[in-house]
Amino acid sequence: MTCEWNENSRYGAPRHFEFDGKDQITVTCKGVLYTSFNQGKDGKICSVDPDGGPYLYIGGTICYMNRKFRILDIVSHKNNARSLVAVFRVEEST
């Protein structure tokens, strides 16, 4: 089942989450001045951290109400004028 929800960063900037009902969550962060990325030894991005949060990383969890999604991979990310869109492959955990 698909679902979407909104949250705010520490600074009040909007964060939109959209679960596709299968295995991906798209996170759209508005009002982003900078984003930090970390990469693993293999050169692949393993974490995304827009200013004000959320800090999202492989192995981390995205929670919505009573649902928990473990991040398995960062599928894509795109930074442009004050926004970040990142897609994460996830599995729902109990």
PDB file of N, CA and C in Angstrom:
ATOM      1  N   MET A   1       0.834  -1.178   0.000  1.00  0.00           N
ATOM      2  CA  MET A   1       0.000   0.000   0.000  1.00  0.00           C
ATOM      3  C   MET A   1       0.885   1.251   0.000  1.00  0.00           C
ATOM      4  N   THR A   2       0.606   2.155  -0.895  1.00  0.00           N
ATOM      5  CA  THR A   2       1.376   3.393  -0.961  1.00  0.00           C
ATOM      6  C   THR A   2       0.982   4.329   0.176  1.00  0.00           C
ATOM      7  N   CYS A   3       1.880   5.212   0.518  1.00  0.00           N
ATOM      8  CA  CYS A   3       1.554   6.244   1.504  1.00  0.00           C
ATOM      9  C   CYS A   3       2.518   7.401   1.313  1.00  0.00           C
ATOM     10  N   GLU A   4       2.086   8.576   1.715  1.00  0.00           N
ATOM     11  CA  GLU A   4       2.952   9.752   1.703  1.00  0.00           C
ATOM     12  C   GLU A   4       2.674  10.586   2.940  1.00  0.00           C
ATOM     13  N   TRP A   5       3.722  11.286   3.367  1.00  0.00           N
ATOM     14  CA  TRP A   5       3.593  12.115   4.562  1.00  0.00           C
ATOM     15  C   TRP A   5       4.588  13.257   4.503  1.00  0.00           C
ATOM     16  N   ASN A   6       4.332  14.261   5.333  1.00  0.00           N
ATOM     17  CA  ASN A   6       5.178  15.449   5.384  1.00  0.00           C
ATOM     18  C   ASN A   6       5.735  15.630   6.786  1.00  0.00           C
ATOM     19  N   GLU A   7       6.947  16.110   6.840  1.00  0.00           N
ATOM     20  CA  GLU A   7       7.600  16.473   8.092  1.00  0.00           C
ATOM     21  C   GLU A   7       8.333  17.789   7.854  1.00  0.00           C
ATOM     22  N   ASN A   8       8.969  18.307   8.872  1.00  0.00           N
ATOM     23  CA  ASN A   8       9.779  19.516   8.738  1.00  0.00           C
ATOM     24  C   ASN A   8      11.189  19.236   9.231  1.00  0.00           C
ATOM     25  N   SER A   9      12.133  19.977   8.660  1.00  0.00           N
ATOM     26  CA  SER A   9      13.517  19.894   9.122  1.00  0.00           C
ATOM     27  C   SER A   9      13.624  20.569  10.484  1.00  0.00           C
ATOM     28  N   ARG A  10      14.795  20.490  11.083  1.00  0.00           N
ATOM     29  CA  ARG A  10      15.038  21.188  12.350  1.00  0.00           C
ATOM     30  C   ARG A  10      14.770  22.686  12.232  1.00  0.00           C
ATOM     31  N   TYR A  11      14.910  23.217  11.012  1.00  0.00           N
ATOM     32  CA  TYR A  11      14.746  24.650  10.778  1.00  0.00           C
ATOM     33  C   TYR A  11      13.375  24.997  10.213  1.00  0.00           C
ATOM     34  N   GLY A  12      12.491  24.008  10.119  1.00  0.00           N
ATOM     35  CA  GLY A  12      11.130  24.254   9.653  1.00  0.00           C
ATOM     36  C   GLY A  12      10.922  24.103   8.153  1.00  0.00           C
ATOM     37  N   ALA A  13      11.957  23.701   7.407  1.00  0.00           N
ATOM     38  CA  ALA A  13      11.817  23.518   5.959  1.00  0.00           C
ATOM     39  C   ALA A  13      11.074  22.207   5.675  1.00  0.00           C
ATOM     40  N   PRO A  14      10.233  22.190   4.637  1.00  0.00           N
ATOM     41  CA  PRO A  14       9.421  21.009   4.358  1.00  0.00           C
ATOM     42  C   PRO A  14      10.229  19.809   3.858  1.00  0.00           C
ATOM     43  N   ARG A  15       9.792  18.627   4.318  1.00  0.00           N
ATOM     44  CA  ARG A  15      10.329  17.344   3.871  1.00  0.00           C
ATOM     45  C   ARG A  15       9.138  16.466   3.505  1.00  0.00           C
ATOM     46  N   HIS A  16       9.129  15.947   2.292  1.00  0.00           N
ATOM     47  CA  HIS A  16       8.025  15.116   1.814  1.00  0.00           C
ATOM     48  C   HIS A  16       8.535  13.702   1.559  1.00  0.00           C
ATOM     49  N   PHE A  17       7.822  12.701   2.070  1.00  0.00           N
ATOM     50  CA  PHE A  17       8.183  11.296   1.923  1.00  0.00           C
ATOM     51  C   PHE A  17       7.072  10.591   1.157  1.00  0.00           C
ATOM     52  N   GLU A  18       7.453   9.755   0.179  1.00  0.00           N
ATOM     53  CA  GLU A  18       6.460   9.019  -0.590  1.00  0.00           C
ATOM     54  C   GLU A  18       6.932   7.568  -0.770  1.00  0.00           C
ATOM     55  N   PHE A  19       6.173   6.637  -0.193  1.00  0.00           N
ATOM     56  CA  PHE A  19       6.457   5.201  -0.314  1.00  0.00           C
ATOM     57  C   PHE A  19       5.635   4.664  -1.467  1.00  0.00           C
ATOM     58  N   ASP A  20       6.281   3.954  -2.391  1.00  0.00           N
ATOM     59  CA  ASP A  20       5.594   3.472  -3.594  1.00  0.00           C
ATOM     60  C   ASP A  20       4.763   2.209  -3.376  1.00  0.00           C
ATOM     61  N   GLY A  21       4.765   1.678  -2.165  1.00  0.00           N
ATOM     62  CA  GLY A  21       3.979   0.476  -1.889  1.00  0.00           C
ATOM     63  C   GLY A  21       4.735  -0.805  -2.159  1.00  0.00           C
ATOM     64  N   LYS A  22       5.944  -0.691  -2.703  1.00  0.00           N
ATOM     65  CA  LYS A  22       6.752  -1.877  -3.004  1.00  0.00           C
ATOM     66  C   LYS A  22       8.045  -1.837  -2.210  1.00  0.00           C
ATOM     67  N   ASP A  23       9.026  -1.102  -2.769  1.00  0.00           N
ATOM     68  CA  ASP A  23      10.338  -1.118  -2.116  1.00  0.00           C
ATOM     69  C   ASP A  23      11.118   0.182  -2.249  1.00  0.00           C
ATOM     70  N   GLN A  24      10.424   1.302  -2.529  1.00  0.00           N
ATOM     71  CA  GLN A  24      11.148   2.558  -2.658  1.00  0.00           C
ATOM     72  C   GLN A  24      10.436   3.694  -1.936  1.00  0.00           C
ATOM     73  N   ILE A  25      11.234   4.564  -1.325  1.00  0.00           N
ATOM     74  CA  ILE A  25      10.738   5.803  -0.741  1.00  0.00           C
ATOM     75  C   ILE A  25      11.487   6.952  -1.414  1.00  0.00           C
ATOM     76  N   THR A  26      10.721   7.912  -1.912  1.00  0.00           N
ATOM     77  CA  THR A  26      11.296   9.133  -2.469  1.00  0.00           C
ATOM     78  C   THR A  26      11.169  10.224  -1.411  1.00  0.00           C
ATOM     79  N   VAL A  27      12.286  10.868  -1.113  1.00  0.00           N
ATOM     80  CA  VAL A  27      12.307  11.940  -0.125  1.00  0.00           C
ATOM     81  C   VAL A  27      12.635  13.238  -0.862  1.00  0.00           C
ATOM     82  N   THR A  28      11.751  14.224  -0.727  1.00  0.00           N
ATOM     83  CA  THR A  28      11.961  15.535  -1.332  1.00  0.00           C
ATOM     84  C   THR A  28      12.167  16.546  -0.215  1.00  0.00           C
ATOM     85  N   CYS A  29      13.306  17.212  -0.238  1.00  0.00           N
ATOM     86  CA  CYS A  29      13.657  18.190   0.789  1.00  0.00           C
ATOM     87  C   CYS A  29      13.719  19.571   0.142  1.00  0.00           C
ATOM     88  N   LYS A  30      12.905  20.479   0.624  1.00  0.00           N
ATOM     89  CA  LYS A  30      12.904  21.865   0.121  1.00  0.00           C
ATOM     90  C   LYS A  30      13.679  22.755   1.085  1.00  0.00           C
ATOM     91  N   GLY A  31      14.109  23.902   0.611  1.00  0.00           N
ATOM     92  CA  GLY A  31      14.825  24.854   1.451  1.00  0.00           C
ATOM     93  C   GLY A  31      16.202  24.378   1.863  1.00  0.00           C
ATOM     94  N   VAL A  32      16.858  23.626   0.985  1.00  0.00           N
ATOM     95  CA  VAL A  32      18.176  23.059   1.291  1.00  0.00           C
ATOM     96  C   VAL A  32      19.269  24.001   0.797  1.00  0.00           C
ATOM     97  N   LEU A  33      20.139  24.434   1.707  1.00  0.00           N
ATOM     98  CA  LEU A  33      21.273  25.270   1.319  1.00  0.00           C
ATOM     99  C   LEU A  33      22.481  24.423   0.957  1.00  0.00           C
ATOM    100  N   TYR A  34      22.666  23.301   1.670  1.00  0.00           N
ATOM    101  CA  TYR A  34      23.761  22.394   1.352  1.00  0.00           C
ATOM    102  C   TYR A  34      23.385  20.974   1.761  1.00  0.00           C
ATOM    103  N   THR A  35      24.014  20.009   1.111  1.00  0.00           N
ATOM    104  CA  THR A  35      23.806  18.591   1.408  1.00  0.00           C
ATOM    105  C   THR A  35      25.164  17.923   1.515  1.00  0.00           C
ATOM    106  N   SER A  36      25.332  17.122   2.560  1.00  0.00           N
ATOM    107  CA  SER A  36      26.559  16.325   2.712  1.00  0.00           C
ATOM    108  C   SER A  36      26.286  14.910   2.235  1.00  0.00           C
ATOM    109  N   PHE A  37      27.262  14.344   1.535  1.00  0.00           N
ATOM    110  CA  PHE A  37      27.186  12.963   1.081  1.00  0.00           C
ATOM    111  C   PHE A  37      28.417  12.237   1.605  1.00  0.00           C
ATOM    112  N   ASN A  38      28.251  10.992   1.975  1.00  0.00           N
ATOM    113  CA  ASN A  38      29.389  10.139   2.328  1.00  0.00           C
ATOM    114  C   ASN A  38      29.390   8.962   1.382  1.00  0.00           C
ATOM    115  N   GLN A  39      30.580   8.489   1.074  1.00  0.00           N
ATOM    116  CA  GLN A  39      30.668   7.319   0.210  1.00  0.00           C
ATOM    117  C   GLN A  39      31.489   6.237   0.877  1.00  0.00           C
ATOM    118  N   GLY A  40      31.132   4.990   0.524  1.00  0.00           N
ATOM    119  CA  GLY A  40      31.834   3.844   1.069  1.00  0.00           C
ATOM    120  C   GLY A  40      33.130   3.586   0.328  1.00  0.00           C
ATOM    121  N   LYS A  41      33.815   2.543   0.739  1.00  0.00           N
ATOM    122  CA  LYS A  41      35.090   2.179   0.111  1.00  0.00           C
ATOM    123  C   LYS A  41      34.931   1.876  -1.373  1.00  0.00           C
ATOM    124  N   ASP A  42      33.740   1.421  -1.758  1.00  0.00           N
ATOM    125  CA  ASP A  42      33.480   1.097  -3.163  1.00  0.00           C
ATOM    126  C   ASP A  42      33.140   2.338  -3.996  1.00  0.00           C
ATOM    127  N   GLY A  43      33.109   3.516  -3.354  1.00  0.00           N
ATOM    128  CA  GLY A  43      32.822   4.759  -4.061  1.00  0.00           C
ATOM    129  C   GLY A  43      31.342   5.076  -4.177  1.00  0.00           C
ATOM    130  N   LYS A  44      30.489   4.187  -3.691  1.00  0.00           N
ATOM    131  CA  LYS A  44      29.047   4.396  -3.745  1.00  0.00           C
ATOM    132  C   LYS A  44      28.583   5.282  -2.603  1.00  0.00           C
ATOM    133  N   ILE A  45      27.629   6.171  -2.885  1.00  0.00           N
ATOM    134  CA  ILE A  45      27.060   7.024  -1.841  1.00  0.00           C
ATOM    135  C   ILE A  45      26.355   6.145  -0.814  1.00  0.00           C
ATOM    136  N   CYS A  46      26.678   6.360   0.467  1.00  0.00           N
ATOM    137  CA  CYS A  46      26.057   5.556   1.524  1.00  0.00           C
ATOM    138  C   CYS A  46      25.257   6.396   2.515  1.00  0.00           C
ATOM    139  N   SER A  47      25.317   7.731   2.401  1.00  0.00           N
ATOM    140  CA  SER A  47      24.473   8.574   3.248  1.00  0.00           C
ATOM    141  C   SER A  47      24.226   9.915   2.571  1.00  0.00           C
ATOM    142  N   VAL A  48      23.075  10.497   2.911  1.00  0.00           N
ATOM    143  CA  VAL A  48      22.650  11.787   2.401  1.00  0.00           C
ATOM    144  C   VAL A  48      22.210  12.600   3.610  1.00  0.00           C
ATOM    145  N   ASP A  49      22.715  13.831   3.736  1.00  0.00           N
ATOM    146  CA  ASP A  49      22.394  14.640   4.910  1.00  0.00           C
ATOM    147  C   ASP A  49      22.153  16.097   4.502  1.00  0.00           C
ATOM    148  N   PRO A  50      20.895  16.446   4.167  1.00  0.00           N
ATOM    149  CA  PRO A  50      20.604  17.850   3.867  1.00  0.00           C
ATOM    150  C   PRO A  50      20.643  18.669   5.154  1.00  0.00           C
ATOM    151  N   ASP A  51      21.015  19.940   5.055  1.00  0.00           N
ATOM    152  CA  ASP A  51      21.036  20.773   6.263  1.00  0.00           C
ATOM    153  C   ASP A  51      19.636  20.775   6.891  1.00  0.00           C
ATOM    154  N   GLY A  52      19.597  20.619   8.184  1.00  0.00           N
ATOM    155  CA  GLY A  52      18.333  20.544   8.897  1.00  0.00           C
ATOM    156  C   GLY A  52      17.761  19.146   8.972  1.00  0.00           C
ATOM    157  N   GLY A  53      18.400  18.184   8.282  1.00  0.00           N
ATOM    158  CA  GLY A  53      17.985  16.793   8.334  1.00  0.00           C
ATOM    159  C   GLY A  53      16.871  16.480   7.356  1.00  0.00           C
ATOM    160  N   PRO A  54      16.531  15.237   7.284  1.00  0.00           N
ATOM    161  CA  PRO A  54      17.012  14.122   8.092  1.00  0.00           C
ATOM    162  C   PRO A  54      18.301  13.530   7.528  1.00  0.00           C
ATOM    163  N   TYR A  55      19.104  12.962   8.412  1.00  0.00           N
ATOM    164  CA  TYR A  55      20.306  12.221   8.013  1.00  0.00           C
ATOM    165  C   TYR A  55      19.828  10.829   7.620  1.00  0.00           C
ATOM    166  N   LEU A  56      20.014  10.458   6.362  1.00  0.00           N
ATOM    167  CA  LEU A  56      19.527   9.179   5.839  1.00  0.00           C
ATOM    168  C   LEU A  56      20.714   8.365   5.351  1.00  0.00           C
ATOM    169  N   TYR A  57      20.805   7.125   5.809  1.00  0.00           N
ATOM    170  CA  TYR A  57      21.967   6.308   5.482  1.00  0.00           C
ATOM    171  C   TYR A  57      21.569   4.847   5.321  1.00  0.00           C
ATOM    172  N   ILE A  58      22.392   4.121   4.571  1.00  0.00           N
ATOM    173  CA  ILE A  58      22.159   2.696   4.367  1.00  0.00           C
ATOM    174  C   ILE A  58      22.250   2.000   5.722  1.00  0.00           C
ATOM    175  N   GLY A  59      21.218   1.242   6.047  1.00  0.00           N
ATOM    176  CA  GLY A  59      21.124   0.583   7.347  1.00  0.00           C
ATOM    177  C   GLY A  59      20.270   1.358   8.334  1.00  0.00           C
ATOM    178  N   GLY A  60      19.996   2.636   8.013  1.00  0.00           N
ATOM    179  CA  GLY A  60      19.155   3.464   8.878  1.00  0.00           C
ATOM    180  C   GLY A  60      17.675   3.154   8.673  1.00  0.00           C
ATOM    181  N   THR A  61      16.834   3.849   9.415  1.00  0.00           N
ATOM    182  CA  THR A  61      15.398   3.596   9.384  1.00  0.00           C
ATOM    183  C   THR A  61      14.631   4.884   9.114  1.00  0.00           C
ATOM    184  N   ILE A  62      13.619   4.768   8.268  1.00  0.00           N
ATOM    185  CA  ILE A  62      12.642   5.836   8.060  1.00  0.00           C
ATOM    186  C   ILE A  62      11.351   5.347   8.704  1.00  0.00           C
ATOM    187  N   CYS A  63      10.797   6.148   9.611  1.00  0.00           N
ATOM    188  CA  CYS A  63       9.585   5.740  10.336  1.00  0.00           C
ATOM    189  C   CYS A  63       8.409   6.617   9.941  1.00  0.00           C
ATOM    190  N   TYR A  64       7.253   5.981   9.853  1.00  0.00           N
ATOM    191  CA  TYR A  64       6.001   6.702   9.626  1.00  0.00           C
ATOM    192  C   TYR A  64       4.905   6.005  10.414  1.00  0.00           C
ATOM    193  N   MET A  65       4.361   6.713  11.376  1.00  0.00           N
ATOM    194  CA  MET A  65       3.340   6.161  12.270  1.00  0.00           C
ATOM    195  C   MET A  65       3.882   4.869  12.875  1.00  0.00           C
ATOM    196  N   ASN A  66       3.210   3.748  12.669  1.00  0.00           N
ATOM    197  CA  ASN A  66       3.695   2.483  13.243  1.00  0.00           C
ATOM    198  C   ASN A  66       4.483   1.660  12.233  1.00  0.00           C
ATOM    199  N   ARG A  67       4.875   2.251  11.111  1.00  0.00           N
ATOM    200  CA  ARG A  67       5.630   1.534  10.074  1.00  0.00           C
ATOM    201  C   ARG A  67       7.101   1.945  10.124  1.00  0.00           C
ATOM    202  N   LYS A  68       7.982   0.963   9.917  1.00  0.00           N
ATOM    203  CA  LYS A  68       9.421   1.219   9.881  1.00  0.00           C
ATOM    204  C   LYS A  68       9.979   0.656   8.583  1.00  0.00           C
ATOM    205  N   PHE A  69      10.788   1.467   7.909  1.00  0.00           N
ATOM    206  CA  PHE A  69      11.407   1.072   6.648  1.00  0.00           C
ATOM    207  C   PHE A  69      12.917   1.149   6.818  1.00  0.00           C
ATOM    208  N   ARG A  70      13.591   0.032   6.623  1.00  0.00           N
ATOM    209  CA  ARG A  70      15.057   0.005   6.705  1.00  0.00           C
ATOM    210  C   ARG A  70      15.624   0.346   5.341  1.00  0.00           C
ATOM    211  N   ILE A  71      16.575   1.279   5.301  1.00  0.00           N
ATOM    212  CA  ILE A  71      17.186   1.710   4.043  1.00  0.00           C
ATOM    213  C   ILE A  71      18.225   0.680   3.610  1.00  0.00           C
ATOM    214  N   LEU A  72      18.026   0.126   2.408  1.00  0.00           N
ATOM    215  CA  LEU A  72      18.943  -0.876   1.856  1.00  0.00           C
ATOM    216  C   LEU A  72      19.935  -0.277   0.871  1.00  0.00           C
ATOM    217  N   ASP A  73      19.524   0.784   0.167  1.00  0.00           N
ATOM    218  CA  ASP A  73      20.375   1.349  -0.869  1.00  0.00           C
ATOM    219  C   ASP A  73      19.887   2.750  -1.213  1.00  0.00           C
ATOM    220  N   ILE A  74      20.774   3.570  -1.714  1.00  0.00           N
ATOM    221  CA  ILE A  74      20.419   4.882  -2.242  1.00  0.00           C
ATOM    222  C   ILE A  74      20.387   4.729  -3.756  1.00  0.00           C
ATOM    223  N   VAL A  75      19.189   4.756  -4.320  1.00  0.00           N
ATOM    224  CA  VAL A  75      18.996   4.489  -5.747  1.00  0.00           C
ATOM    225  C   VAL A  75      19.434   5.682  -6.583  1.00  0.00           C
ATOM    226  N   SER A  76      19.032   6.876  -6.172  1.00  0.00           N
ATOM    227  CA  SER A  76      19.412   8.081  -6.911  1.00  0.00           C
ATOM    228  C   SER A  76      19.285   9.299  -6.007  1.00  0.00           C
ATOM    229  N   HIS A  77      19.919  10.376  -6.420  1.00  0.00           N
ATOM    230  CA  HIS A  77      19.796  11.647  -5.709  1.00  0.00           C
ATOM    231  C   HIS A  77      20.053  12.770  -6.702  1.00  0.00           C
ATOM    232  N   LYS A  78      19.358  13.870  -6.467  1.00  0.00           N
ATOM    233  CA  LYS A  78      19.509  15.020  -7.354  1.00  0.00           C
ATOM    234  C   LYS A  78      19.393  16.288  -6.527  1.00  0.00           C
ATOM    235  N   ASN A  79      20.402  17.107  -6.602  1.00  0.00           N
ATOM    236  CA  ASN A  79      20.422  18.419  -5.957  1.00  0.00           C
ATOM    237  C   ASN A  79      20.174  19.470  -7.018  1.00  0.00           C
ATOM    238  N   ASN A  80      19.289  20.402  -6.738  1.00  0.00           N
ATOM    239  CA  ASN A  80      19.178  21.570  -7.607  1.00  0.00           C
ATOM    240  C   ASN A  80      18.807  22.758  -6.741  1.00  0.00           C
ATOM    241  N   ALA A  81      18.413  23.834  -7.331  1.00  0.00           N
ATOM    242  CA  ALA A  81      18.186  25.098  -6.619  1.00  0.00           C
ATOM    243  C   ALA A  81      17.403  24.916  -5.321  1.00  0.00           C
ATOM    244  N   ARG A  82      18.140  24.813  -4.218  1.00  0.00           N
ATOM    245  CA  ARG A  82      17.580  24.748  -2.870  1.00  0.00           C
ATOM    246  C   ARG A  82      16.661  23.553  -2.620  1.00  0.00           C
ATOM    247  N   SER A  83      16.879  22.460  -3.352  1.00  0.00           N
ATOM    248  CA  SER A  83      16.099  21.252  -3.056  1.00  0.00           C
ATOM    249  C   SER A  83      16.938  20.004  -3.321  1.00  0.00           C
ATOM    250  N   LEU A  84      16.515  18.924  -2.699  1.00  0.00           N
ATOM    251  CA  LEU A  84      17.146  17.623  -2.857  1.00  0.00           C
ATOM    252  C   LEU A  84      16.032  16.610  -3.047  1.00  0.00           C
ATOM    253  N   VAL A  85      16.191  15.736  -4.038  1.00  0.00           N
ATOM    254  CA  VAL A  85      15.282  14.602  -4.211  1.00  0.00           C
ATOM    255  C   VAL A  85      16.151  13.362  -4.186  1.00  0.00           C
ATOM    256  N   ALA A  86      15.860  12.449  -3.262  1.00  0.00           N
ATOM    257  CA  ALA A  86      16.622  11.206  -3.155  1.00  0.00           C
ATOM    258  C   ALA A  86      15.659  10.038  -3.112  1.00  0.00           C
ATOM    259  N   VAL A  87      16.039   8.944  -3.779  1.00  0.00           N
ATOM    260  CA  VAL A  87      15.220   7.742  -3.813  1.00  0.00           C
ATOM    261  C   VAL A  87      15.992   6.632  -3.104  1.00  0.00           C
ATOM    262  N   PHE A  88      15.316   5.981  -2.166  1.00  0.00           N
ATOM    263  CA  PHE A  88      15.918   4.924  -1.362  1.00  0.00           C
ATOM    264  C   PHE A  88      15.203   3.605  -1.584  1.00  0.00           C
ATOM    265  N   ARG A  89      15.983   2.519  -1.717  1.00  0.00           N
ATOM    266  CA  ARG A  89      15.382   1.176  -1.738  1.00  0.00           C
ATOM    267  C   ARG A  89      15.262   0.753  -0.289  1.00  0.00           C
ATOM    268  N   VAL A  90      14.091   0.282   0.106  1.00  0.00           N
ATOM    269  CA  VAL A  90      13.808  -0.029   1.495  1.00  0.00           C
ATOM    270  C   VAL A  90      13.125  -1.388   1.632  1.00  0.00           C
ATOM    271  N   GLU A  91      13.127  -1.888   2.855  1.00  0.00           N
ATOM    272  CA  GLU A  91      12.296  -3.041   3.200  1.00  0.00           C
ATOM    273  C   GLU A  91      11.562  -2.679   4.480  1.00  0.00           C
ATOM    274  N   GLU A  92      10.315  -3.054   4.525  1.00  0.00           N
ATOM    275  CA  GLU A  92       9.526  -2.758   5.728  1.00  0.00           C
ATOM    276  C   GLU A  92       9.896  -3.754   6.793  1.00  0.00           C
ATOM    277  N   SER A  93      10.205  -3.252   7.979  1.00  0.00           N
ATOM    278  CA  SER A  93      10.566  -4.143   9.094  1.00  0.00           C
ATOM    279  C   SER A  93       9.462  -4.114  10.134  1.00  0.00           C
ATOM    280  N   THR A  94       9.455  -5.135  10.950  1.00  0.00           N
ATOM    281  CA  THR A  94       8.386  -5.249  11.945  1.00  0.00           C
ATOM    282  C   THR A  94       8.856  -4.784  13.292  1.00  0.00           C
TER     283      THR A  94
END
